[in-house]
N, C-alpha and C. Protein backbone atom coordinates (compact mmCIF):
# COMPACT_ATOMS: atom_id res chain seq x y z
N MET A 1 -75.74 222.59 -90.99
CA MET A 1 -76.18 222.70 -92.39
C MET A 1 -75.15 223.24 -93.08
N ASP A 2 -75.37 221.90 -93.66
CA ASP A 2 -74.74 221.98 -95.48
C ASP A 2 -74.72 222.46 -96.80
N LEU A 3 -73.26 223.60 -96.23
CA LEU A 3 -74.49 224.91 -97.04
C LEU A 3 -73.15 224.68 -98.96
N GLN A 4 -74.32 224.64 -99.66
CA GLN A 4 -72.82 225.12 -101.45
C GLN A 4 -72.32 226.06 -100.90
N ALA A 5 -71.03 226.19 -101.89
CA ALA A 5 -69.86 226.56 -102.10
C ALA A 5 -70.49 228.35 -102.79
N SER A 6 -72.00 228.81 -103.07
CA SER A 6 -72.53 229.60 -103.50
C SER A 6 -72.91 230.49 -102.11
N GLU A 7 -73.32 229.85 -100.96
CA GLU A 7 -73.64 230.15 -99.95
C GLU A 7 -72.92 230.53 -99.27
N PHE A 8 -71.99 229.98 -99.07
CA PHE A 8 -71.03 230.12 -98.07
C PHE A 8 -70.16 231.60 -98.51
N ASP A 9 -69.81 231.55 -100.18
CA ASP A 9 -69.71 232.92 -100.22
C ASP A 9 -70.73 234.13 -100.03
N ARG A 10 -71.33 233.35 -100.80
CA ARG A 10 -72.87 235.68 -99.35
C ARG A 10 -71.87 235.29 -98.70
N ILE A 11 -72.55 234.17 -97.66
CA ILE A 11 -72.35 234.59 -96.17
C ILE A 11 -71.15 235.45 -96.13
N LEU A 12 -70.34 234.95 -96.48
CA LEU A 12 -68.84 235.61 -96.38
C LEU A 12 -69.02 237.02 -96.93
N PHE A 13 -69.57 237.61 -97.78
CA PHE A 13 -69.89 238.65 -98.50
C PHE A 13 -70.15 239.29 -97.40
N PHE A 14 -71.14 239.06 -97.25
CA PHE A 14 -72.34 239.36 -96.22
C PHE A 14 -71.94 239.98 -94.86
N GLU A 15 -71.31 239.49 -94.86
CA GLU A 15 -70.62 239.10 -93.01
C GLU A 15 -69.58 240.56 -92.83
N HIS A 16 -68.17 240.16 -94.57
CA HIS A 16 -67.23 240.72 -94.51
C HIS A 16 -68.04 242.71 -94.64
N ALA A 17 -69.30 242.74 -95.15
CA ALA A 17 -70.51 243.94 -95.73
C ALA A 17 -70.26 244.24 -94.37
N ARG A 18 -71.16 243.46 -93.55
CA ARG A 18 -71.29 244.17 -91.98
C ARG A 18 -70.60 244.36 -91.52
N LYS A 19 -69.46 244.23 -90.95
CA LYS A 19 -67.94 244.03 -90.20
C LYS A 19 -67.68 245.58 -90.94
N ASN A 20 -67.73 245.65 -92.48
CA ASN A 20 -67.07 247.18 -92.53
C ASN A 20 -68.09 248.43 -92.70
N ALA A 21 -69.35 248.01 -92.85
CA ALA A 21 -70.40 248.73 -92.36
C ALA A 21 -70.50 250.09 -91.21
N GLU A 22 -70.33 248.46 -90.27
CA GLU A 22 -70.22 248.70 -88.50
C GLU A 22 -69.05 249.95 -88.51
N SER A 23 -68.04 249.62 -89.01
CA SER A 23 -66.84 249.97 -89.16
C SER A 23 -66.91 251.95 -89.59
N THR A 24 -66.88 251.57 -90.61
CA THR A 24 -68.24 253.33 -90.87
C THR A 24 -68.59 254.05 -89.90
N TYR A 25 -69.77 253.03 -89.95
CA TYR A 25 -70.93 253.68 -88.72
C TYR A 25 -70.58 254.52 -87.75
N ALA A 26 -69.24 253.67 -87.19
CA ALA A 26 -68.22 253.97 -86.15
C ALA A 26 -67.61 255.72 -86.48
N THR A 27 -67.10 255.75 -87.15
CA THR A 27 -66.96 257.44 -87.84
C THR A 27 -67.90 258.13 -88.53
N ASN A 28 -69.09 258.14 -89.10
CA ASN A 28 -68.83 258.72 -89.44
C ASN A 28 -70.90 257.86 -89.22
N PRO A 29 -71.80 258.15 -88.34
CA PRO A 29 -73.12 257.95 -88.09
C PRO A 29 -74.24 258.31 -88.96
N LEU A 30 -73.17 260.05 -89.29
CA LEU A 30 -74.73 259.97 -90.31
C LEU A 30 -74.72 259.42 -92.15
N ASP A 31 -74.12 258.46 -91.76
CA ASP A 31 -74.29 258.05 -93.79
C ASP A 31 -74.88 256.98 -93.51
N ALA A 32 -75.90 258.01 -94.44
CA ALA A 32 -77.66 257.12 -95.10
C ALA A 32 -77.25 255.93 -95.92
N GLU A 33 -75.95 255.82 -96.41
CA GLU A 33 -76.03 254.80 -98.24
C GLU A 33 -74.94 254.24 -96.94
N ASN A 34 -74.28 254.39 -96.22
CA ASN A 34 -73.73 253.16 -95.16
C ASN A 34 -74.72 252.37 -94.47
N LEU A 35 -75.69 252.54 -93.42
CA LEU A 35 -76.57 252.34 -93.13
C LEU A 35 -77.28 251.52 -93.66
N THR A 36 -77.61 252.00 -95.03
CA THR A 36 -78.54 250.72 -96.28
C THR A 36 -78.01 249.62 -96.59
N ARG A 37 -76.41 249.83 -96.07
CA ARG A 37 -75.74 247.85 -97.06
C ARG A 37 -75.97 247.96 -95.75
N TRP A 38 -75.49 248.44 -94.27
CA TRP A 38 -75.48 247.29 -93.47
C TRP A 38 -77.53 247.20 -92.77
N ALA A 39 -77.73 247.12 -92.98
CA ALA A 39 -79.38 246.24 -92.64
C ALA A 39 -79.52 245.51 -93.79
N GLY A 40 -79.18 246.19 -95.31
CA GLY A 40 -78.99 244.69 -96.23
C GLY A 40 -78.09 243.81 -96.06
N ALA A 41 -77.55 243.47 -95.53
CA ALA A 41 -76.47 242.96 -95.14
C ALA A 41 -77.01 242.03 -93.98
N LEU A 42 -77.47 242.24 -93.36
CA LEU A 42 -78.80 242.20 -91.95
C LEU A 42 -79.84 241.00 -92.89
N LEU A 43 -80.19 241.78 -93.66
CA LEU A 43 -81.22 241.21 -94.27
C LEU A 43 -80.92 240.30 -94.86
N GLU A 44 -79.50 240.00 -95.66
CA GLU A 44 -78.98 238.68 -96.13
C GLU A 44 -78.44 237.38 -95.39
N LEU A 45 -78.24 238.84 -94.72
CA LEU A 45 -77.72 236.89 -93.68
C LEU A 45 -78.46 236.19 -92.65
N SER A 46 -79.49 237.15 -92.72
CA SER A 46 -81.14 237.06 -91.12
C SER A 46 -81.58 234.96 -92.11
N GLN A 47 -81.00 234.79 -93.39
CA GLN A 47 -82.26 233.72 -94.04
C GLN A 47 -80.85 232.71 -93.72
N PHE A 48 -79.92 232.60 -93.14
CA PHE A 48 -79.27 230.96 -92.97
C PHE A 48 -78.92 231.17 -91.84
N GLN A 49 -80.19 231.92 -90.65
CA GLN A 49 -80.17 231.73 -89.37
C GLN A 49 -81.29 230.98 -89.02
N SER A 50 -81.46 230.63 -87.57
CA SER A 50 -82.83 229.91 -87.22
C SER A 50 -83.20 231.45 -87.17
N VAL A 51 -85.35 230.97 -87.05
CA VAL A 51 -86.36 231.09 -87.13
C VAL A 51 -86.14 232.61 -86.00
N PRO A 52 -86.02 231.83 -84.47
CA PRO A 52 -85.11 233.58 -83.72
C PRO A 52 -84.66 234.42 -83.81
N GLU A 53 -82.98 234.09 -84.53
CA GLU A 53 -81.80 234.90 -84.67
C GLU A 53 -82.06 235.55 -86.41
N SER A 54 -83.00 234.64 -87.05
CA SER A 54 -83.55 236.09 -88.08
C SER A 54 -84.55 236.80 -87.94
N LYS A 55 -85.42 236.64 -86.82
CA LYS A 55 -85.84 237.63 -86.13
C LYS A 55 -84.50 239.09 -85.78
N LYS A 56 -84.14 238.56 -85.10
CA LYS A 56 -83.34 239.60 -83.76
C LYS A 56 -82.37 239.80 -85.24
N MET A 57 -82.10 239.32 -86.46
CA MET A 57 -81.33 240.28 -87.18
C MET A 57 -82.51 241.60 -87.81
N ILE A 58 -83.64 240.84 -88.00
CA ILE A 58 -84.27 241.50 -89.35
C ILE A 58 -84.79 242.50 -88.67
N LEU A 59 -85.40 243.00 -87.13
CA LEU A 59 -85.39 243.58 -86.12
C LEU A 59 -84.14 244.84 -86.16
N ASP A 60 -83.05 244.10 -85.91
CA ASP A 60 -82.08 244.73 -86.53
C ASP A 60 -81.08 245.57 -87.34
N SER A 61 -81.85 245.37 -88.05
CA SER A 61 -82.20 245.80 -89.61
C SER A 61 -83.28 246.71 -89.71
N ILE A 62 -83.92 246.33 -89.70
CA ILE A 62 -85.42 247.76 -89.67
C ILE A 62 -84.73 248.85 -88.23
N SER A 63 -83.99 248.67 -88.11
CA SER A 63 -83.67 250.03 -86.66
C SER A 63 -82.49 250.45 -87.44
N LYS A 64 -82.19 250.06 -88.27
CA LYS A 64 -80.60 250.31 -88.69
C LYS A 64 -80.84 251.80 -90.37
N LEU A 65 -82.39 250.54 -90.60
CA LEU A 65 -83.51 251.79 -92.02
C LEU A 65 -84.50 252.69 -91.73
N GLU A 66 -85.04 252.75 -90.05
CA GLU A 66 -85.32 253.81 -89.41
C GLU A 66 -83.87 255.02 -89.38
N GLU A 67 -82.92 254.86 -88.77
CA GLU A 67 -82.77 255.71 -89.14
C GLU A 67 -81.17 256.54 -90.07
N ALA A 68 -81.37 255.82 -91.42
CA ALA A 68 -81.47 255.77 -92.40
C ALA A 68 -81.70 257.19 -93.31
N LEU A 69 -83.48 256.51 -92.93
CA LEU A 69 -84.62 257.05 -93.56
C LEU A 69 -84.60 258.46 -92.46
N MET A 70 -84.19 258.68 -90.83
CA MET A 70 -84.69 260.17 -89.92
C MET A 70 -82.99 261.02 -91.11
N ILE A 71 -81.88 260.58 -91.13
CA ILE A 71 -81.00 261.20 -92.16
C ILE A 71 -81.63 261.62 -93.02
N ASN A 72 -82.02 260.98 -94.52
CA ASN A 72 -82.63 261.10 -95.81
C ASN A 72 -84.15 260.68 -95.64
N PRO A 73 -84.88 261.19 -95.89
CA PRO A 73 -86.62 260.53 -95.35
C PRO A 73 -86.74 259.75 -97.67
N LYS A 74 -86.12 260.30 -98.68
CA LYS A 74 -86.31 260.05 -98.90
C LYS A 74 -85.69 259.34 -100.02
N LYS A 75 -84.71 258.72 -99.21
CA LYS A 75 -83.51 257.22 -100.21
C LYS A 75 -84.60 256.18 -100.20
N HIS A 76 -84.88 255.89 -101.91
CA HIS A 76 -86.14 255.08 -101.91
C HIS A 76 -85.50 253.89 -101.23
N ASP A 77 -83.45 253.48 -101.78
CA ASP A 77 -83.71 252.33 -101.96
C ASP A 77 -84.06 251.61 -100.29
N ALA A 78 -83.81 252.89 -99.27
CA ALA A 78 -83.85 252.27 -98.14
C ALA A 78 -85.10 252.01 -97.78
N LEU A 79 -86.19 252.69 -97.97
CA LEU A 79 -87.44 253.33 -97.95
C LEU A 79 -88.38 251.34 -98.42
N TRP A 80 -87.64 250.83 -99.70
CA TRP A 80 -87.35 249.76 -100.65
C TRP A 80 -87.51 248.04 -99.16
N CYS A 81 -86.02 248.66 -98.83
CA CYS A 81 -85.51 247.33 -98.18
C CYS A 81 -86.07 247.77 -96.19
N LEU A 82 -86.51 249.09 -96.21
CA LEU A 82 -88.13 248.50 -95.03
C LEU A 82 -88.52 247.84 -95.23
N GLY A 83 -89.23 247.88 -96.60
CA GLY A 83 -90.50 247.39 -97.04
C GLY A 83 -90.29 244.98 -96.92
N ASN A 84 -89.09 245.10 -97.80
CA ASN A 84 -88.57 243.70 -97.49
C ASN A 84 -88.34 243.31 -95.64
N ALA A 85 -87.51 244.10 -95.16
CA ALA A 85 -87.38 243.97 -93.50
C ALA A 85 -89.06 243.11 -93.39
N TYR A 86 -90.01 244.01 -93.35
CA TYR A 86 -91.52 243.96 -92.97
C TYR A 86 -91.98 243.23 -93.48
N THR A 87 -91.98 242.40 -94.69
CA THR A 87 -92.49 241.97 -95.33
C THR A 87 -91.85 240.14 -94.80
N SER A 88 -90.90 239.74 -94.45
CA SER A 88 -89.23 239.45 -94.20
C SER A 88 -90.15 238.52 -91.95
N HIS A 89 -89.83 240.13 -91.64
CA HIS A 89 -91.24 239.07 -90.14
C HIS A 89 -91.76 239.38 -90.28
N ALA A 90 -92.98 239.19 -91.61
CA ALA A 90 -94.57 239.41 -91.44
C ALA A 90 -94.24 237.65 -91.50
N PHE A 91 -93.98 236.62 -92.46
CA PHE A 91 -93.76 235.71 -92.64
C PHE A 91 -92.49 234.26 -91.66
N LEU A 92 -91.85 234.84 -91.19
CA LEU A 92 -91.35 234.37 -89.46
C LEU A 92 -92.93 234.56 -87.98
N ASN A 93 -93.06 235.29 -88.61
CA ASN A 93 -94.70 235.38 -87.59
C ASN A 93 -96.06 234.10 -87.62
N PRO A 94 -95.98 233.01 -87.68
CA PRO A 94 -96.80 232.54 -87.42
C PRO A 94 -98.72 232.48 -86.93
N ASN A 95 -98.42 234.06 -86.82
CA ASN A 95 -100.17 234.93 -86.34
C ASN A 95 -100.36 235.93 -86.74
N GLN A 96 -101.37 235.74 -87.66
CA GLN A 96 -101.80 236.51 -89.03
C GLN A 96 -102.21 237.47 -89.28
N ASP A 97 -102.25 238.34 -87.65
CA ASP A 97 -103.42 239.54 -87.57
C ASP A 97 -101.53 240.37 -87.30
N GLU A 98 -100.41 239.32 -86.60
CA GLU A 98 -99.70 240.20 -86.63
C GLU A 98 -98.97 240.49 -87.94
N ALA A 99 -98.91 239.57 -88.26
CA ALA A 99 -97.80 239.28 -89.90
C ALA A 99 -98.76 240.18 -90.72
N LYS A 100 -100.17 240.13 -90.74
CA LYS A 100 -100.80 240.48 -91.88
C LYS A 100 -100.15 242.66 -91.20
N GLU A 101 -100.14 242.78 -90.25
CA GLU A 101 -99.37 244.10 -90.05
C GLU A 101 -98.45 244.18 -90.35
N PHE A 102 -97.48 243.59 -90.72
CA PHE A 102 -96.29 243.46 -91.00
C PHE A 102 -96.53 243.84 -92.21
N PHE A 103 -97.35 243.06 -92.88
CA PHE A 103 -97.32 243.39 -94.51
C PHE A 103 -97.65 244.63 -94.66
N ASP A 104 -98.83 245.22 -94.02
CA ASP A 104 -99.64 246.56 -94.79
C ASP A 104 -98.34 247.44 -94.14
N LYS A 105 -97.66 247.83 -93.50
CA LYS A 105 -96.34 248.38 -93.37
C LYS A 105 -95.30 248.31 -93.92
N ALA A 106 -94.86 246.82 -94.93
CA ALA A 106 -94.73 246.79 -95.83
C ALA A 106 -94.50 247.17 -97.10
N THR A 107 -95.69 246.94 -97.52
CA THR A 107 -96.67 247.86 -98.25
C THR A 107 -96.56 249.95 -98.57
N ILE A 108 -96.52 250.26 -97.82
CA ILE A 108 -96.35 251.70 -97.28
C ILE A 108 -94.88 252.17 -97.53
N TYR A 109 -93.95 250.82 -96.99
CA TYR A 109 -92.58 251.06 -97.77
C TYR A 109 -92.59 251.39 -98.77
N PHE A 110 -93.16 249.91 -100.32
CA PHE A 110 -93.35 250.20 -101.07
C PHE A 110 -93.47 251.15 -101.82
N LYS A 111 -94.91 251.57 -102.10
CA LYS A 111 -95.39 252.59 -102.19
C LYS A 111 -94.40 253.98 -102.44
N GLN A 112 -94.45 254.36 -101.40
CA GLN A 112 -93.15 255.48 -101.03
C GLN A 112 -91.72 255.12 -101.69
N ALA A 113 -91.14 253.41 -101.74
CA ALA A 113 -90.59 253.86 -102.26
C ALA A 113 -90.08 254.36 -103.58
N VAL A 114 -91.94 253.57 -103.97
CA VAL A 114 -92.40 254.00 -106.14
C VAL A 114 -92.34 254.75 -106.19
N GLU A 115 -92.66 255.95 -104.99
CA GLU A 115 -93.55 257.46 -105.53
C GLU A 115 -91.17 257.72 -105.70
N GLU A 116 -90.33 257.77 -104.85
CA GLU A 116 -89.82 258.17 -104.69
C GLU A 116 -88.80 257.71 -106.02
N ASP A 117 -89.08 257.18 -106.35
CA ASP A 117 -88.19 256.19 -107.69
C ASP A 117 -88.91 255.51 -108.89
N PRO A 118 -90.14 256.23 -109.25
CA PRO A 118 -91.93 255.01 -109.78
C PRO A 118 -91.02 254.26 -111.27
N GLY A 119 -89.61 254.74 -112.18
CA GLY A 119 -88.91 253.66 -113.30
C GLY A 119 -88.96 252.66 -112.02
N ASN A 120 -88.75 251.89 -111.74
CA ASN A 120 -87.98 251.22 -110.55
C ASN A 120 -88.48 250.00 -110.57
N GLU A 121 -88.30 248.51 -111.55
CA GLU A 121 -89.24 247.44 -112.02
C GLU A 121 -89.30 246.10 -110.84
N ILE A 122 -88.02 246.50 -109.55
CA ILE A 122 -88.15 245.70 -108.86
C ILE A 122 -88.90 246.71 -107.09
N TYR A 123 -88.59 247.69 -107.93
CA TYR A 123 -90.00 248.60 -106.20
C TYR A 123 -90.83 248.29 -106.53
N LEU A 124 -91.65 248.13 -107.81
CA LEU A 124 -92.96 247.76 -108.62
C LEU A 124 -93.12 246.46 -108.60
N LYS A 125 -92.03 245.55 -108.57
CA LYS A 125 -92.10 244.51 -108.74
C LYS A 125 -93.10 243.50 -107.45
N SER A 126 -92.48 243.81 -106.29
CA SER A 126 -91.89 244.08 -105.17
C SER A 126 -93.89 244.68 -104.21
N LEU A 127 -93.78 245.90 -105.44
CA LEU A 127 -95.41 246.46 -104.28
C LEU A 127 -96.00 244.98 -105.25
N GLU A 128 -96.65 244.72 -105.76
CA GLU A 128 -97.22 243.61 -106.76
C GLU A 128 -97.22 241.91 -105.71
N VAL A 129 -96.10 242.09 -105.35
CA VAL A 129 -95.63 240.55 -105.35
C VAL A 129 -96.34 241.18 -103.55
N THR A 130 -96.29 241.99 -102.49
CA THR A 130 -96.63 241.57 -101.46
C THR A 130 -97.62 241.82 -101.31
N ALA A 131 -98.89 241.93 -102.45
CA ALA A 131 -99.87 242.14 -102.40
C ALA A 131 -101.19 240.73 -102.13
N LYS A 132 -100.05 239.53 -102.44
CA LYS A 132 -100.07 238.21 -102.31
C LYS A 132 -99.96 237.86 -101.17
N ALA A 133 -98.79 238.61 -100.87
CA ALA A 133 -97.78 237.82 -98.97
C ALA A 133 -98.71 236.88 -98.65
N PRO A 134 -99.95 238.36 -98.27
CA PRO A 134 -101.33 237.55 -96.65
C PRO A 134 -101.35 236.39 -96.81
N GLU A 135 -101.76 235.64 -98.46
CA GLU A 135 -102.23 234.61 -98.80
C GLU A 135 -100.85 233.45 -98.75
N LEU A 136 -99.94 233.96 -98.88
CA LEU A 136 -99.26 232.90 -98.73
C LEU A 136 -98.57 232.77 -97.79
N HIS A 137 -98.20 233.50 -96.95
CA HIS A 137 -98.50 233.32 -95.54
C HIS A 137 -99.78 232.30 -94.56
N LEU A 138 -100.51 232.48 -94.95
CA LEU A 138 -101.35 231.41 -94.68
C LEU A 138 -101.32 230.42 -94.76
N GLU A 139 -100.68 229.87 -96.45
CA GLU A 139 -100.79 228.59 -96.56
C GLU A 139 -99.34 227.75 -96.31
N ILE A 140 -97.83 228.76 -96.63
CA ILE A 140 -97.65 227.65 -95.46
C ILE A 140 -97.76 228.05 -93.81
N HIS A 141 -98.54 228.77 -93.45
CA HIS A 141 -98.48 228.27 -91.77
C HIS A 141 -99.44 227.42 -91.77
N LYS A 142 -100.22 227.27 -92.52
CA LYS A 142 -101.59 226.41 -92.37
C LYS A 142 -100.83 225.14 -92.69
N HIS A 143 -99.88 224.94 -93.53
CA HIS A 143 -98.91 223.15 -93.82
C HIS A 143 -98.09 223.17 -92.58
N GLY A 144 -97.97 223.97 -91.16
CA GLY A 144 -96.97 223.82 -90.45
C GLY A 144 -95.54 224.00 -90.04
N PHE A 145 -95.47 224.96 -91.33
CA PHE A 145 -94.19 225.74 -91.63
C PHE A 145 -93.43 226.39 -89.96
N ALA A 146 -93.18 226.85 -89.74
CA ALA A 146 -93.52 227.58 -87.92
C ALA A 146 -93.35 226.48 -87.34
N GLN A 147 -93.89 226.16 -86.60
CA GLN A 147 -93.73 225.08 -86.04
C GLN A 147 -92.66 223.99 -86.11
N GLN A 148 -92.23 223.61 -87.32
CA GLN A 148 -91.45 222.61 -88.34
C GLN A 148 -89.28 223.55 -87.68
N ALA A 149 -90.22 225.36 -88.16
CA ALA A 149 -88.44 225.66 -88.58
C ALA A 149 -88.92 226.45 -87.55
N THR A 150 -89.23 226.43 -86.34
CA THR A 150 -88.83 226.70 -85.43
C THR A 150 -88.86 225.64 -83.96
N GLY A 151 -88.47 224.27 -84.94
CA GLY A 151 -87.51 223.15 -84.20
C GLY A 151 -89.22 222.74 -82.76
N ALA A 152 -90.41 223.12 -83.35
CA ALA A 152 -91.56 222.93 -82.01
C ALA A 152 -91.93 221.21 -82.35
N ALA A 153 -91.61 220.47 -83.83
CA ALA A 153 -91.81 219.16 -84.00
C ALA A 153 -91.27 218.31 -82.90
N GLU A 154 -91.53 217.04 -82.89
CA GLU A 154 -91.31 216.14 -81.94
C GLU A 154 -89.85 215.39 -83.43
N PRO A 155 -88.66 215.15 -82.73
CA PRO A 155 -87.86 214.70 -84.05
C PRO A 155 -88.03 213.22 -83.93
N SER A 156 -88.41 212.89 -85.78
CA SER A 156 -88.71 211.92 -85.59
C SER A 156 -87.73 211.56 -87.11
N ALA A 157 -87.86 210.81 -87.56
CA ALA A 157 -87.52 210.49 -89.28
C ALA A 157 -89.00 210.65 -89.71
N SER A 158 -89.68 210.87 -89.90
CA SER A 158 -91.04 211.58 -90.56
C SER A 158 -90.76 213.01 -90.71
N SER A 159 -90.26 213.59 -89.53
CA SER A 159 -90.46 214.56 -89.31
C SER A 159 -89.58 215.47 -89.91
N SER A 160 -88.36 214.78 -89.38
CA SER A 160 -86.87 215.11 -90.16
C SER A 160 -87.05 215.51 -91.32
N THR A 161 -87.74 214.33 -92.36
CA THR A 161 -88.14 214.77 -93.63
C THR A 161 -88.56 215.97 -93.74
N LYS A 162 -89.84 216.07 -93.16
CA LYS A 162 -90.83 217.02 -93.14
C LYS A 162 -90.27 219.01 -93.19
N LYS A 163 -89.00 218.75 -91.91
CA LYS A 163 -88.48 219.80 -91.61
C LYS A 163 -87.46 220.76 -92.39
N LYS A 164 -86.36 218.63 -92.89
CA LYS A 164 -85.97 219.85 -94.03
C LYS A 164 -86.78 220.45 -95.37
N ASN A 165 -88.45 219.68 -95.98
CA ASN A 165 -88.57 220.89 -96.42
C ASN A 165 -88.84 222.23 -96.03
N SER A 166 -89.38 222.03 -94.62
CA SER A 166 -89.70 223.90 -94.61
C SER A 166 -88.18 224.05 -94.42
N SER A 167 -87.16 223.03 -94.02
CA SER A 167 -86.47 224.40 -93.92
C SER A 167 -85.28 225.28 -95.40
N ASP A 168 -86.00 223.55 -96.56
CA ASP A 168 -85.81 224.78 -97.77
C ASP A 168 -87.53 225.22 -98.36
N LEU A 169 -88.29 225.64 -97.83
CA LEU A 169 -88.83 226.69 -98.34
C LEU A 169 -88.79 227.39 -97.81
N LYS A 170 -88.24 228.03 -96.27
CA LYS A 170 -87.86 228.93 -95.69
C LYS A 170 -86.78 229.59 -96.62
N TYR A 171 -85.87 229.41 -97.02
CA TYR A 171 -85.40 229.91 -98.03
C TYR A 171 -85.24 230.27 -99.18
N ASP A 172 -86.50 229.61 -100.37
CA ASP A 172 -87.18 229.46 -101.05
C ASP A 172 -87.53 231.29 -101.33
N LEU A 173 -88.92 230.88 -99.90
CA LEU A 173 -89.38 232.04 -99.27
C LEU A 173 -88.27 233.43 -99.24
N PHE A 174 -87.81 233.10 -97.76
CA PHE A 174 -86.46 234.76 -98.61
C PHE A 174 -85.95 235.02 -99.81
N GLY A 175 -85.83 233.90 -99.92
CA GLY A 175 -84.67 234.02 -101.24
C GLY A 175 -86.43 234.80 -102.16
N TRP A 176 -87.54 234.41 -102.79
CA TRP A 176 -88.01 235.76 -103.47
C TRP A 176 -87.55 236.95 -102.60
N ILE A 177 -88.21 237.11 -101.67
CA ILE A 177 -87.48 238.59 -100.73
C ILE A 177 -86.08 239.40 -100.89
N ILE A 178 -85.48 238.82 -100.22
CA ILE A 178 -84.28 239.23 -100.29
C ILE A 178 -83.18 238.81 -101.57
N LEU A 179 -83.34 238.38 -102.76
CA LEU A 179 -82.36 238.47 -103.21
C LEU A 179 -82.55 239.47 -104.07
N ALA A 180 -83.73 239.92 -104.37
CA ALA A 180 -82.74 241.76 -105.15
C ALA A 180 -82.67 242.44 -103.73
N VAL A 181 -82.94 241.93 -102.88
CA VAL A 181 -81.69 243.63 -101.57
C VAL A 181 -80.64 242.97 -101.88
N GLY A 182 -80.00 241.21 -102.33
CA GLY A 182 -79.08 241.36 -102.30
C GLY A 182 -78.00 241.75 -104.59
N LEU A 183 -79.37 242.11 -104.59
CA LEU A 183 -78.38 242.92 -105.74
C LEU A 183 -78.25 244.69 -105.71
N VAL A 184 -79.15 245.18 -104.62
CA VAL A 184 -78.96 245.80 -105.02
C VAL A 184 -77.99 246.21 -103.96
N ALA A 185 -77.86 245.09 -102.86
CA ALA A 185 -76.15 245.77 -101.56
C ALA A 185 -75.00 244.60 -102.43
N TRP A 186 -75.39 244.85 -103.88
CA TRP A 186 -74.10 244.08 -104.21
C TRP A 186 -73.33 244.96 -104.98
N VAL A 187 -74.74 246.17 -106.05
CA VAL A 187 -74.47 247.03 -106.72
C VAL A 187 -73.50 248.63 -105.92
N GLY A 188 -74.31 248.56 -104.59
CA GLY A 188 -74.47 249.76 -103.39
C GLY A 188 -72.70 249.42 -103.25
N PHE A 189 -72.38 247.80 -102.32
CA PHE A 189 -71.16 247.87 -102.27
C PHE A 189 -69.67 248.23 -103.94
N ALA A 190 -70.14 247.70 -104.47
CA ALA A 190 -69.51 248.04 -105.38
C ALA A 190 -69.14 249.49 -106.07
N LYS A 191 -70.35 249.93 -105.06
CA LYS A 191 -70.35 251.40 -105.58
C LYS A 191 -68.58 252.29 -104.63
N SER A 192 -69.09 251.00 -103.67
CA SER A 192 -68.21 252.57 -102.57
C SER A 192 -66.53 251.33 -102.16
N ASN A 193 -66.78 250.62 -104.34
CA ASN A 193 -65.29 249.88 -103.84
C ASN A 193 -65.11 248.65 -102.23
N VAL A 194 -66.32 248.04 -102.38
CA VAL A 194 -66.11 247.33 -100.72
C VAL A 194 -65.37 246.07 -101.88
N PRO A 195 -63.97 245.33 -102.11
CA PRO A 195 -63.43 243.70 -102.03
C PRO A 195 -64.62 243.13 -101.92
N PRO A 196 -65.78 242.18 -102.78
CA PRO A 196 -65.85 240.65 -102.22
C PRO A 196 -64.68 239.36 -101.54
N PRO A 197 -64.89 239.43 -100.31
CA PRO A 197 -64.43 238.33 -100.19
C PRO A 197 -63.95 237.19 -100.64
N THR A 198 -63.32 236.56 -100.67
CA THR A 198 -62.60 235.47 -101.93
C THR A 198 -63.06 234.25 -100.11
N ALA A 199 -63.80 233.24 -101.08
CA ALA A 199 -64.10 231.51 -100.24
C ALA A 199 -62.92 231.08 -100.50
N PRO A 200 -62.35 230.52 -99.53
CA PRO A 200 -60.64 230.00 -99.06
C PRO A 200 -61.48 228.13 -99.98
N ARG A 201 -60.15 228.15 -101.24
CA ARG A 201 -60.73 226.84 -101.87
C ARG A 201 -60.42 225.47 -101.14
């Protein structure tokens, strides 16, 4: 995969953050803030993986967020991240009924996040966008995105072009969901004084 320098920096940053969160968890498993950061890092990293790996990371992220919410049920950024995780998982699921269940869960968590932090524009926007998500999901999967992204399409000159387009689409899709997660995570890491790693030049 040909990664741009900024993407490489992001991968390094969130991989570093994931490892830090993992070691913090070993010493303090009841830190809801750390669990939320860990889940945010996993969500970010999931967008650079194959579809099966993405799903695995998203499910891991969901379990971390559920753990954080058991510690602090009103933690709005964890509620919001959980909405994002379910939205991401839904987009990777070609079955429309199953995807709808994930979108419905996402909506519930986005609503709870808004209730806990009513003035937060990112939360409000996420809630608004998730209402349109099932329609977008249908459109994407109607054009065979899932088949191409999972590598089910036969390799040929034309399908490799399609594959590149579907791969770009996958990043665009994840982009609108996860960009904001990244912003929240960056702020969270900055608050916890985690130095972002610098990529070798």
